[in-house]
C-alpha atoms as a PDB file:
ATOM      1  CA  UNK A   1      88.208 180.521  78.332  1.00  0.00           C
ATOM      2  CA  UNK A   2      90.438 179.668  75.225  1.00  0.00           C
ATOM      3  CA  UNK A   3      88.731 178.642  71.805  1.00  0.00           C
ATOM      4  CA  UNK A   4      89.143 174.755  71.457  1.00  0.00           C
ATOM      5  CA  UNK A   5      89.947 172.777  68.790  1.00  0.00           C
ATOM      6  CA  UNK A   6      87.619 169.585  68.897  1.00  0.00           C
ATOM      7  CA  UNK A   7      90.675 167.274  68.838  1.00  0.00           C
ATOM      8  CA  UNK A   8      91.949 168.605  71.634  1.00  0.00           C
ATOM      9  CA  UNK A   9      91.369 168.211  75.334  1.00  0.00           C
ATOM     10  CA  UNK A  10      91.223 171.034  77.602  1.00  0.00           C
ATOM     11  CA  UNK A  11      93.016 170.928  81.118  1.00  0.00           C
ATOM     12  CA  UNK A  12      92.383 173.696  83.998  1.00  0.00           C
ATOM     13  CA  UNK A  13      96.103 174.174  84.034  1.00  0.00           C
ATOM     14  CA  UNK A  14      96.589 177.939  85.124  1.00  0.00           C
ATOM     15  CA  UNK A  15      96.768 179.034  88.502  1.00  0.00           C
ATOM     16  CA  UNK A  16      93.985 181.330  87.364  1.00  0.00           C
ATOM     17  CA  UNK A  17      91.395 178.575  86.860  1.00  0.00           C
ATOM     18  CA  UNK A  18      91.435 179.437  82.649  1.00  0.00           C
ATOM     19  CA  UNK A  19      92.014 176.554  81.085  1.00  0.00           C
ATOM     20  CA  UNK A  20      94.266 175.757  78.234  1.00  0.00           C
ATOM     21  CA  UNK A  21      94.335 173.058  75.551  1.00  0.00           C
ATOM     22  CA  UNK A  22      96.594 170.370  75.811  1.00  0.00           C
ATOM     23  CA  UNK A  23      98.741 169.643  72.742  1.00  0.00           C
ATOM     24  CA  UNK A  24      98.462 165.833  71.286  1.00  0.00           C
ATOM     25  CA  UNK A  25     102.083 164.677  71.268  1.00  0.00           C
ATOM     26  CA  UNK A  26     103.413 166.835  74.390  1.00  0.00           C
ATOM     27  CA  UNK A  27     102.297 167.359  78.209  1.00  0.00           C
ATOM     28  CA  UNK A  28     102.835 171.073  78.455  1.00  0.00           C
ATOM     29  CA  UNK A  29     101.342 172.507  81.537  1.00  0.00           C
ATOM     30  CA  UNK A  30     100.968 176.565  81.421  1.00  0.00           C
ATOM     31  CA  UNK A  31     102.796 177.216  84.635  1.00  0.00           C
ATOM     32  CA  UNK A  32     105.310 174.869  87.278  1.00  0.00           C
ATOM     33  CA  UNK A  33     103.200 176.194  89.880  1.00  0.00           C
ATOM     34  CA  UNK A  34     100.142 173.780  88.401  1.00  0.00           C
ATOM     35  CA  UNK A  35     100.445 170.255  89.503  1.00  0.00           C
ATOM     36  CA  UNK A  36      99.108 168.057  87.120  1.00  0.00           C
ATOM     37  CA  UNK A  37     101.317 164.986  88.388  1.00  0.00           C
ATOM     38  CA  UNK A  38     100.046 163.411  85.396  1.00  0.00           C
ATOM     39  CA  UNK A  39      97.148 164.508  84.176  1.00  0.00           C
ATOM     40  CA  UNK A  40      97.867 165.905  81.260  1.00  0.00           C
ATOM     41  CA  UNK A  41     100.340 163.089  80.562  1.00  0.00           C
ATOM     42  CA  UNK A  42      97.398 160.784  81.167  1.00  0.00           C
ATOM     43  CA  UNK A  43      95.162 162.334  78.434  1.00  0.00           C
ATOM     44  CA  UNK A  44      97.796 162.495  76.170  1.00  0.00           C
ATOM     45  CA  UNK A  45      99.542 159.118  76.368  1.00  0.00           C
ATOM     46  CA  UNK A  46      98.406 157.044  78.944  1.00  0.00           C
ATOM     47  CA  UNK A  47      99.964 154.060  77.077  1.00  0.00           C
ATOM     48  CA  UNK A  48     103.087 155.901  75.838  1.00  0.00           C
ATOM     49  CA  UNK A  49     101.291 156.283  72.459  1.00  0.00           C
ATOM     50  CA  UNK A  50      99.761 160.105  71.745  1.00  0.00           C
ATOM     51  CA  UNK A  51      95.996 160.211  71.602  1.00  0.00           C
ATOM     52  CA  UNK A  52      93.690 161.764  70.002  1.00  0.00           C
ATOM     53  CA  UNK A  53      90.396 162.801  71.008  1.00  0.00           C
ATOM     54  CA  UNK A  54      87.207 162.186  69.154  1.00  0.00           C
ATOM     55  CA  UNK A  55      84.228 164.307  69.969  1.00  0.00           C
ATOM     56  CA  UNK A  56      83.522 166.668  73.162  1.00  0.00           C
ATOM     57  CA  UNK A  57      84.656 164.503  76.350  1.00  0.00           C
ATOM     58  CA  UNK A  58      81.958 167.025  78.036  1.00  0.00           C
ATOM     59  CA  UNK A  59      81.263 170.649  77.540  1.00  0.00           C
ATOM     60  CA  UNK A  60      79.389 170.872  80.674  1.00  0.00           C
ATOM     61  CA  UNK A  61      81.414 169.739  83.229  1.00  0.00           C
ATOM     62  CA  UNK A  62      84.181 172.100  84.620  1.00  0.00           C
ATOM     63  CA  UNK A  63      86.278 172.077  87.771  1.00  0.00           C
ATOM     64  CA  UNK A  64      85.544 175.216  90.546  1.00  0.00           C
ATOM     65  CA  UNK A  65      87.795 177.467  90.368  1.00  0.00           C
ATOM     66  CA  UNK A  66      91.327 176.119  92.210  1.00  0.00           C
ATOM     67  CA  UNK A  67      91.147 178.057  95.196  1.00  0.00           C
ATOM     68  CA  UNK A  68      87.904 176.427  96.123  1.00  0.00           C
ATOM     69  CA  UNK A  69      89.047 173.092  95.162  1.00  0.00           C
ATOM     70  CA  UNK A  70      91.805 173.603  97.387  1.00  0.00           C
ATOM     71  CA  UNK A  71      89.616 174.895 100.136  1.00  0.00           C
ATOM     72  CA  UNK A  72      86.932 172.251  99.577  1.00  0.00           C
ATOM     73  CA  UNK A  73      89.761 169.480  99.487  1.00  0.00           C
ATOM     74  CA  UNK A  74      91.894 170.861 102.501  1.00  0.00           C
ATOM     75  CA  UNK A  75      88.631 170.538 104.833  1.00  0.00           C
ATOM     76  CA  UNK A  76      87.342 167.288 103.730  1.00  0.00           C
ATOM     77  CA  UNK A  77      90.634 166.025 104.498  1.00  0.00           C
ATOM     78  CA  UNK A  78      91.481 167.883 107.692  1.00  0.00           C
ATOM     79  CA  UNK A  79      87.675 166.523 108.452  1.00  0.00           C
ATOM     80  CA  UNK A  80      88.791 162.818 107.452  1.00  0.00           C
ATOM     81  CA  UNK A  81      91.647 162.442 108.594  1.00  0.00           C
ATOM     82  CA  UNK A  82      91.083 164.415 112.085  1.00  0.00           C
ATOM     83  CA  UNK A  83      88.275 161.882 112.426  1.00  0.00           C
ATOM     84  CA  UNK A  84      90.339 158.917 111.549  1.00  0.00           C
ATOM     85  CA  UNK A  85      93.090 159.895 114.033  1.00  0.00           C
ATOM     86  CA  UNK A  86      90.888 160.917 116.994  1.00  0.00           C
ATOM     87  CA  UNK A  87      88.950 157.402 116.988  1.00  0.00           C
ATOM     88  CA  UNK A  88      92.472 155.461 116.961  1.00  0.00           C
ATOM     89  CA  UNK A  89      93.567 157.447 120.059  1.00  0.00           C
ATOM     90  CA  UNK A  90      90.117 156.787 121.750  1.00  0.00           C
ATOM     91  CA  UNK A  91      90.421 153.324 120.610  1.00  0.00           C
ATOM     92  CA  UNK A  92      93.878 152.396 121.910  1.00  0.00           C
ATOM     93  CA  UNK A  93      93.988 155.191 124.623  1.00  0.00           C
ATOM     94  CA  UNK A  94      90.942 155.660 126.686  1.00  0.00           C
ATOM     95  CA  UNK A  95      88.187 152.933 125.396  1.00  0.00           C
ATOM     96  CA  UNK A  96      88.671 149.979 127.532  1.00  0.00           C
ATOM     97  CA  UNK A  97      87.104 146.735 125.721  1.00  0.00           C
ATOM     98  CA  UNK A  98      85.237 144.467 127.373  1.00  0.00           C
ATOM     99  CA  UNK A  99      82.147 142.002 126.870  1.00  0.00           C
ATOM    100  CA  UNK A 100      79.788 145.066 127.643  1.00  0.00           C
ATOM    101  CA  UNK A 101      80.767 147.239 125.232  1.00  0.00           C
ATOM    102  CA  UNK A 102      81.549 145.052 122.424  1.00  0.00           C
ATOM    103  CA  UNK A 103      78.807 146.422 120.124  1.00  0.00           C
ATOM    104  CA  UNK A 104      80.407 149.919 120.328  1.00  0.00           C
ATOM    105  CA  UNK A 105      83.689 148.005 119.679  1.00  0.00           C
ATOM    106  CA  UNK A 106      82.788 146.738 116.277  1.00  0.00           C
ATOM    107  CA  UNK A 107      80.706 149.957 115.009  1.00  0.00           C
ATOM    108  CA  UNK A 108      84.091 151.921 115.977  1.00  0.00           C
ATOM    109  CA  UNK A 109      86.274 149.265 113.783  1.00  0.00           C
ATOM    110  CA  UNK A 110      83.389 150.031 111.200  1.00  0.00           C
ATOM    111  CA  UNK A 111      84.315 153.289 111.018  1.00  0.00           C
ATOM    112  CA  UNK A 112      87.369 153.314 111.462  1.00  0.00           C
ATOM    113  CA  UNK A 113      87.439 150.995 108.252  1.00  0.00           C
ATOM    114  CA  UNK A 114      85.665 153.696 106.172  1.00  0.00           C
ATOM    115  CA  UNK A 115      87.553 156.520 107.182  1.00  0.00           C
ATOM    116  CA  UNK A 116      90.773 154.387 106.827  1.00  0.00           C
ATOM    117  CA  UNK A 117      89.422 154.183 102.938  1.00  0.00           C
ATOM    118  CA  UNK A 118      88.782 157.756 103.038  1.00  0.00           C
ATOM    119  CA  UNK A 119      92.453 158.378 104.420  1.00  0.00           C
ATOM    120  CA  UNK A 120      93.587 156.446 101.059  1.00  0.00           C
ATOM    121  CA  UNK A 121      91.346 158.684  98.687  1.00  0.00           C
ATOM    122  CA  UNK A 122      92.735 161.803 100.164  1.00  0.00           C
ATOM    123  CA  UNK A 123      96.233 160.876  99.933  1.00  0.00           C
ATOM    124  CA  UNK A 124      95.448 159.587  96.154  1.00  0.00           C
ATOM    125  CA  UNK A 125      94.081 163.184  95.004  1.00  0.00           C
ATOM    126  CA  UNK A 126      97.423 164.386  96.479  1.00  0.00           C
ATOM    127  CA  UNK A 127      99.125 161.986  94.249  1.00  0.00           C
ATOM    128  CA  UNK A 128      97.386 163.592  91.367  1.00  0.00           C
ATOM    129  CA  UNK A 129      97.719 167.569  92.682  1.00  0.00           C
ATOM    130  CA  UNK A 130      93.999 167.739  92.866  1.00  0.00           C
ATOM    131  CA  UNK A 131      93.818 167.969  96.586  1.00  0.00           C
ATOM    132  CA  UNK A 132      95.596 171.279  97.081  1.00  0.00           C
ATOM    133  CA  UNK A 133      95.704 172.534  93.258  1.00  0.00           C
ATOM    134  CA  UNK A 134      99.098 174.741  92.789  1.00  0.00           C
ATOM    135  CA  UNK A 135     100.425 173.695  95.632  1.00  0.00           C
ATOM    136  CA  UNK A 136     102.654 170.219  94.613  1.00  0.00           C
ATOM    137  CA  UNK A 137     104.612 170.967  97.858  1.00  0.00           C
ATOM    138  CA  UNK A 138     101.654 170.997 100.035  1.00  0.00           C
ATOM    139  CA  UNK A 139     100.041 167.960  98.346  1.00  0.00           C
ATOM    140  CA  UNK A 140     103.348 166.089  98.633  1.00  0.00           C
ATOM    141  CA  UNK A 141     103.289 166.557 102.688  1.00  0.00           C
ATOM    142  CA  UNK A 142     100.416 165.711 103.260  1.00  0.00           C
ATOM    143  CA  UNK A 143     100.591 162.451 101.089  1.00  0.00           C
ATOM    144  CA  UNK A 144     103.827 161.676 103.050  1.00  0.00           C
ATOM    145  CA  UNK A 145     102.450 161.862 106.742  1.00  0.00           C
ATOM    146  CA  UNK A 146      99.221 160.329 105.654  1.00  0.00           C
ATOM    147  CA  UNK A 147     100.406 157.146 103.942  1.00  0.00           C
ATOM    148  CA  UNK A 148     103.032 157.050 106.660  1.00  0.00           C
ATOM    149  CA  UNK A 149     100.555 156.862 109.542  1.00  0.00           C
ATOM    150  CA  UNK A 150      98.093 154.619 107.085  1.00  0.00           C
ATOM    151  CA  UNK A 151     100.781 151.576 106.912  1.00  0.00           C
ATOM    152  CA  UNK A 152     104.113 153.041 106.596  1.00  0.00           C
ATOM    153  CA  UNK A 153     103.822 153.735 102.790  1.00  0.00           C
ATOM    154  CA  UNK A 154     106.357 155.390 101.059  1.00  0.00           C
ATOM    155  CA  UNK A 155     104.705 158.587  99.266  1.00  0.00           C
ATOM    156  CA  UNK A 156     107.057 158.511  96.500  1.00  0.00           C
ATOM    157  CA  UNK A 157     107.070 154.566  95.572  1.00  0.00           C
ATOM    158  CA  UNK A 158     103.453 154.783  95.883  1.00  0.00           C
ATOM    159  CA  UNK A 159     102.695 157.872  93.686  1.00  0.00           C
ATOM    160  CA  UNK A 160     104.585 156.616  90.927  1.00  0.00           C
ATOM    161  CA  UNK A 161     103.105 153.533  91.019  1.00  0.00           C
ATOM    162  CA  UNK A 162     100.079 154.877  91.217  1.00  0.00           C
ATOM    163  CA  UNK A 163     100.617 157.004  87.685  1.00  0.00           C
ATOM    164  CA  UNK A 164     102.142 153.730  86.371  1.00  0.00           C
ATOM    165  CA  UNK A 165      98.852 152.118  86.579  1.00  0.00           C
ATOM    166  CA  UNK A 166      97.348 155.264  84.719  1.00  0.00           C
ATOM    167  CA  UNK A 167      99.573 154.844  82.230  1.00  0.00           C
ATOM    168  CA  UNK A 168      99.335 151.678  81.698  1.00  0.00           C
ATOM    169  CA  UNK A 169      96.101 150.264  83.122  1.00  0.00           C
ATOM    170  CA  UNK A 170      94.723 146.769  82.457  1.00  0.00           C
ATOM    171  CA  UNK A 171      97.964 145.987  81.135  1.00  0.00           C
ATOM    172  CA  UNK A 172     101.672 143.932  81.624  1.00  0.00           C
ATOM    173  CA  UNK A 173     103.561 146.438  83.922  1.00  0.00           C
ATOM    174  CA  UNK A 174     100.488 147.779  85.641  1.00  0.00           C
ATOM    175  CA  UNK A 175     101.107 147.602  89.604  1.00  0.00           C
ATOM    176  CA  UNK A 176      97.622 147.173  90.343  1.00  0.00           C
ATOM    177  CA  UNK A 177      96.558 144.647  87.788  1.00  0.00           C
ATOM    178  CA  UNK A 178      97.277 141.121  87.870  1.00  0.00           C
ATOM    179  CA  UNK A 179      97.294 140.092  84.202  1.00  0.00           C
ATOM    180  CA  UNK A 180      97.584 136.697  84.971  1.00  0.00           C
ATOM    181  CA  UNK A 181      94.290 136.299  87.088  1.00  0.00           C
ATOM    182  CA  UNK A 182      92.289 139.266  85.741  1.00  0.00           C
ATOM    183  CA  UNK A 183      88.983 137.640  86.847  1.00  0.00           C
ATOM    184  CA  UNK A 184      90.054 135.648  90.169  1.00  0.00           C
ATOM    185  CA  UNK A 185      89.507 138.499  93.066  1.00  0.00           C
ATOM    186  CA  UNK A 186      91.724 136.076  95.769  1.00  0.00           C
ATOM    187  CA  UNK A 187      94.468 135.711  93.911  1.00  0.00           C
ATOM    188  CA  UNK A 188      94.396 139.586  92.381  1.00  0.00           C
ATOM    189  CA  UNK A 189      94.286 140.324  95.700  1.00  0.00           C
ATOM    190  CA  UNK A 190      97.240 138.208  96.833  1.00  0.00           C
ATOM    191  CA  UNK A 191      99.341 139.845  94.445  1.00  0.00           C
ATOM    192  CA  UNK A 192      98.206 143.732  95.089  1.00  0.00           C
ATOM    193  CA  UNK A 193      99.017 143.078  98.457  1.00  0.00           C
ATOM    194  CA  UNK A 194     102.432 141.340  98.355  1.00  0.00           C
ATOM    195  CA  UNK A 195     103.255 144.494  95.939  1.00  0.00           C
ATOM    196  CA  UNK A 196     102.587 147.170  98.538  1.00  0.00           C
ATOM    197  CA  UNK A 197     102.542 146.065 101.713  1.00  0.00           C
ATOM    198  CA  UNK A 198     106.436 145.549 101.513  1.00  0.00           C
ATOM    199  CA  UNK A 199     109.251 145.098 104.467  1.00  0.00           C
ATOM    200  CA  UNK A 200     108.705 148.736 105.373  1.00  0.00           C
ATOM    201  CA  UNK A 201     104.904 148.649 106.291  1.00  0.00           C
ATOM    202  CA  UNK A 202     105.166 145.000 108.026  1.00  0.00           C
ATOM    203  CA  UNK A 203     108.127 146.527 109.919  1.00  0.00           C
ATOM    204  CA  UNK A 204     106.144 149.863 110.884  1.00  0.00           C
ATOM    205  CA  UNK A 205     102.831 147.891 111.818  1.00  0.00           C
ATOM    206  CA  UNK A 206     105.341 145.278 114.089  1.00  0.00           C
ATOM    207  CA  UNK A 207     106.388 148.536 115.742  1.00  0.00           C
ATOM    208  CA  UNK A 208     103.425 149.953 116.587  1.00  0.00           C
ATOM    209  CA  UNK A 209     101.831 147.190 118.099  1.00  0.00           C
ATOM    210  CA  UNK A 210     104.801 146.338 119.948  1.00  0.00           C
ATOM    211  CA  UNK A 211     104.699 149.655 121.552  1.00  0.00           C
ATOM    212  CA  UNK A 212     101.084 149.430 122.046  1.00  0.00           C
ATOM    213  CA  UNK A 213     101.023 145.981 123.768  1.00  0.00           C
ATOM    214  CA  UNK A 214     104.502 145.565 125.261  1.00  0.00           C
ATOM    215  CA  UNK A 215     105.120 149.256 126.006  1.00  0.00           C
ATOM    216  CA  UNK A 216     101.548 150.804 126.850  1.00  0.00           C
ATOM    217  CA  UNK A 217     100.435 147.308 127.797  1.00  0.00           C
ATOM    218  CA  UNK A 218      97.442 147.818 125.467  1.00  0.00           C
ATOM    219  CA  UNK A 219      95.385 144.180 125.539  1.00  0.00           C
ATOM    220  CA  UNK A 220      96.369 142.450 122.030  1.00  0.00           C
ATOM    221  CA  UNK A 221      92.363 141.674 121.501  1.00  0.00           C
ATOM    222  CA  UNK A 222      91.454 145.391 121.476  1.00  0.00           C
ATOM    223  CA  UNK A 223      94.616 146.144 119.313  1.00  0.00           C
ATOM    224  CA  UNK A 224      93.528 143.337 116.938  1.00  0.00           C
ATOM    225  CA  UNK A 225      89.703 144.376 117.171  1.00  0.00           C
ATOM    226  CA  UNK A 226      90.612 147.987 116.535  1.00  0.00           C
ATOM    227  CA  UNK A 227      93.359 148.294 114.900  1.00  0.00           C
ATOM    228  CA  UNK A 228      94.686 145.625 112.741  1.00  0.00           C
ATOM    229  CA  UNK A 229      91.121 144.211 111.726  1.00  0.00           C
ATOM    230  CA  UNK A 230      90.091 147.649 110.256  1.00  0.00           C
ATOM    231  CA  UNK A 231      93.009 148.514 108.610  1.00  0.00           C
ATOM    232  CA  UNK A 232      93.062 145.046 106.417  1.00  0.00           C
ATOM    233  CA  UNK A 233      89.412 145.511 106.010  1.00  0.00           C
ATOM    234  CA  UNK A 234      89.907 148.555 104.024  1.00  0.00           C
ATOM    235  CA  UNK A 235      92.728 147.477 101.968  1.00  0.00           C
ATOM    236  CA  UNK A 236      90.169 145.120 100.884  1.00  0.00           C
ATOM    237  CA  UNK A 237      87.576 147.394 100.499  1.00  0.00           C
ATOM    238  CA  UNK A 238      89.561 149.663  98.391  1.00  0.00           C
ATOM    239  CA  UNK A 239      90.890 146.744  96.577  1.00  0.00           C
ATOM    240  CA  UNK A 240      87.084 145.271  95.905  1.00  0.00           C
ATOM    241  CA  UNK A 241      85.498 148.651  94.575  1.00  0.00           C
ATOM    242  CA  UNK A 242      87.997 150.828  93.356  1.00  0.00           C
ATOM    243  CA  UNK A 243      90.282 147.684  91.768  1.00  0.00           C
ATOM    244  CA  UNK A 244      88.784 144.806  91.128  1.00  0.00           C
ATOM    245  CA  UNK A 245      85.326 145.442  90.308  1.00  0.00           C
ATOM    246  CA  UNK A 246      86.791 148.678  87.937  1.00  0.00           C
ATOM    247  CA  UNK A 247      89.437 146.767  86.408  1.00  0.00           C
ATOM    248  CA  UNK A 248      88.336 142.946  86.184  1.00  0.00           C
ATOM    249  CA  UNK A 249      88.115 141.577  82.732  1.00  0.00           C
ATOM    250  CA  UNK A 250      84.580 140.015  81.773  1.00  0.00           C
ATOM    251  CA  UNK A 251      84.910 136.475  80.273  1.00  0.00           C
ATOM    252  CA  UNK A 252      83.709 136.150  76.819  1.00  0.00           C
ATOM    253  CA  UNK A 253      83.057 140.189  76.927  1.00  0.00           C
ATOM    254  CA  UNK A 254      85.320 141.799  73.295  1.00  0.00           C
ATOM    255  CA  UNK A 255      88.102 143.783  75.206  1.00  0.00           C
ATOM    256  CA  UNK A 256      87.372 142.621  78.618  1.00  0.00           C
ATOM    257  CA  UNK A 257      84.058 144.470  78.693  1.00  0.00           C
ATOM    258  CA  UNK A 258      85.799 147.530  78.563  1.00  0.00           C
ATOM    259  CA  UNK A 259      84.642 151.096  76.934  1.00  0.00           C
ATOM    260  CA  UNK A 260      88.244 152.187  75.787  1.00  0.00           C
ATOM    261  CA  UNK A 261      92.072 151.813  76.455  1.00  0.00           C
ATOM    262  CA  UNK A 262      91.389 152.801  79.667  1.00  0.00           C
ATOM    263  CA  UNK A 263      90.331 149.355  80.839  1.00  0.00           C
ATOM    264  CA  UNK A 264      88.144 151.021  83.580  1.00  0.00           C
ATOM    265  CA  UNK A 265      84.685 150.482  84.077  1.00  0.00           C
ATOM    266  CA  UNK A 266      82.344 152.802  86.528  1.00  0.00           C
ATOM    267  CA  UNK A 267      79.430 151.604  89.216  1.00  0.00           C
ATOM    268  CA  UNK A 268      76.488 153.059  88.666  1.00  0.00           C
ATOM    269  CA  UNK A 269      75.826 153.807  92.360  1.00  0.00           C
ATOM    270  CA  UNK A 270      73.952 156.467  94.052  1.00  0.00           C
ATOM    271  CA  UNK A 271      76.167 159.084  95.566  1.00  0.00           C
ATOM    272  CA  UNK A 272      75.448 158.005  99.262  1.00  0.00           C
ATOM    273  CA  UNK A 273      76.226 154.079  97.880  1.00  0.00           C
ATOM    274  CA  UNK A 274      78.987 155.435  96.133  1.00  0.00           C
ATOM    275  CA  UNK A 275      80.569 157.271  99.563  1.00  0.00           C
ATOM    276  CA  UNK A 276      79.805 154.819 101.792  1.00  0.00           C
ATOM    277  CA  UNK A 277      81.759 151.793  99.139  1.00  0.00           C
ATOM    278  CA  UNK A 278      84.702 153.400  98.630  1.00  0.00           C
ATOM    279  CA  UNK A 279      84.698 157.801  98.490  1.00  0.00           C
ATOM    280  CA  UNK A 280      83.438 157.767  94.968  1.00  0.00           C
ATOM    281  CA  UNK A 281      86.354 156.194  94.012  1.00  0.00           C
ATOM    282  CA  UNK A 282      83.973 153.312  92.015  1.00  0.00           C
ATOM    283  CA  UNK A 283      83.319 156.274  89.357  1.00  0.00           C
ATOM    284  CA  UNK A 284      86.504 154.720  87.990  1.00  0.00           C
ATOM    285  CA  UNK A 285      86.162 155.765  84.381  1.00  0.00           C
ATOM    286  CA  UNK A 286      85.306 159.155  85.135  1.00  0.00           C
ATOM    287  CA  UNK A 287      88.688 159.442  87.243  1.00  0.00           C
ATOM    288  CA  UNK A 288      90.768 157.549  84.508  1.00  0.00           C
ATOM    289  CA  UNK A 289      88.927 159.886  81.648  1.00  0.00           C
ATOM    290  CA  UNK A 290      89.480 163.213  83.863  1.00  0.00           C
ATOM    291  CA  UNK A 291      92.458 162.072  86.688  1.00  0.00           C
ATOM    292  CA  UNK A 292      92.232 166.301  87.266  1.00  0.00           C
ATOM    293  CA  UNK A 293      89.495 165.464  89.302  1.00  0.00           C
ATOM    294  CA  UNK A 294      89.022 165.769  92.841  1.00  0.00           C
ATOM    295  CA  UNK A 295      87.046 162.779  94.631  1.00  0.00           C
ATOM    296  CA  UNK A 296      84.586 164.920  95.719  1.00  0.00           C
ATOM    297  CA  UNK A 297      83.658 166.225  92.373  1.00  0.00           C
ATOM    298  CA  UNK A 298      83.567 162.765  90.522  1.00  0.00           C
ATOM    299  CA  UNK A 299      79.837 162.493  91.274  1.00  0.00           C
ATOM    300  CA  UNK A 300      79.241 165.765  89.210  1.00  0.00           C
ATOM    301  CA  UNK A 301      81.302 164.443  86.599  1.00  0.00           C
ATOM    302  CA  UNK A 302      79.563 161.142  86.468  1.00  0.00           C
ATOM    303  CA  UNK A 303      76.420 162.966  86.340  1.00  0.00           C
ATOM    304  CA  UNK A 304      77.677 165.196  83.127  1.00  0.00           C
ATOM    305  CA  UNK A 305      78.321 162.036  81.234  1.00  0.00           C
ATOM    306  CA  UNK A 306      82.005 161.961  81.688  1.00  0.00           C
ATOM    307  CA  UNK A 307      82.177 158.020  82.037  1.00  0.00           C
ATOM    308  CA  UNK A 308      79.498 157.892  78.662  1.00  0.00           C
ATOM    309  CA  UNK A 309      81.232 160.369  76.694  1.00  0.00           C
ATOM    310  CA  UNK A 310      82.971 158.879  72.991  1.00  0.00           C
ATOM    311  CA  UNK A 311      85.750 157.025  73.535  1.00  0.00           C
ATOM    312  CA  UNK A 312      89.570 157.588  72.551  1.00  0.00           C
ATOM    313  CA  UNK A 313      91.540 156.594  69.436  1.00  0.00           C
ATOM    314  CA  UNK A 314      95.227 155.627  68.980  1.00  0.00           C
ATOM    315  CA  UNK A 315      97.152 157.775  67.027  1.00  0.00           C
ATOM    316  CA  UNK A 316     100.094 156.520  64.773  1.00  0.00           C
ATOM    317  CA  UNK A 317     102.985 157.319  66.547  1.00  0.00           C
END
């Protein structure tokens, strides 16, 4: 491990697992194989300006070796996406909805909603290159397939929008933020929905529903309950726990109630509640400060104090 300057954050930017200091005024990864996709950029200049790290962000929290992180990330992604696809296939092609099995249908819909959130979080890790460290094409391939299956989303569009969110968090130009309604859930969600669910998603969903209903003769009520509602509910769940609660402004609070320029806060949920609500995405300040941390390691980052560490200060350009 290289000796670090107190003014330089450390990023796990090599394939071997060794860490290198990130320069304050530039984002330079040691090897192209390491796909930070904005991790250095976010730490170095989240709003287009150089940043100085005050104090030690967290000397005791470290990521596992990239090979271990890759194996864990891919195994969890397979479990989440595989379960999501299996339940969907069973719900559409095997299950027959009736008055007698409505309770089972509602349970399946609830589980499918939660797994849909998980699928999106897997894609989110792929956007940051933390799903399979050192393999940018694998990250992009998995993200492309899962986002298309999720709602016909385009990989590049969502990846670029999310990295813009990290650069401009809570400011005008942040695609996840409604600067005109920073505390209004319904209006902000309407803005969020319009920005992300465009014509491509509409065509995809209508095509899938049309095939299921008109070609495969699946009852519309079954399609709505076991496909449409879980998808819509998952977007609400993601927005509420992963965007609104973590980025909303608190009326009357200084700086909107945020600790630093990331304009993000974390929920103090326990590990199980955090997993149930949004796959640990509620540990949001930790994520913005350490976008190199995969979703499943965020509880450890939270316990280690990444979200409680001393804030950052802007350095004049």
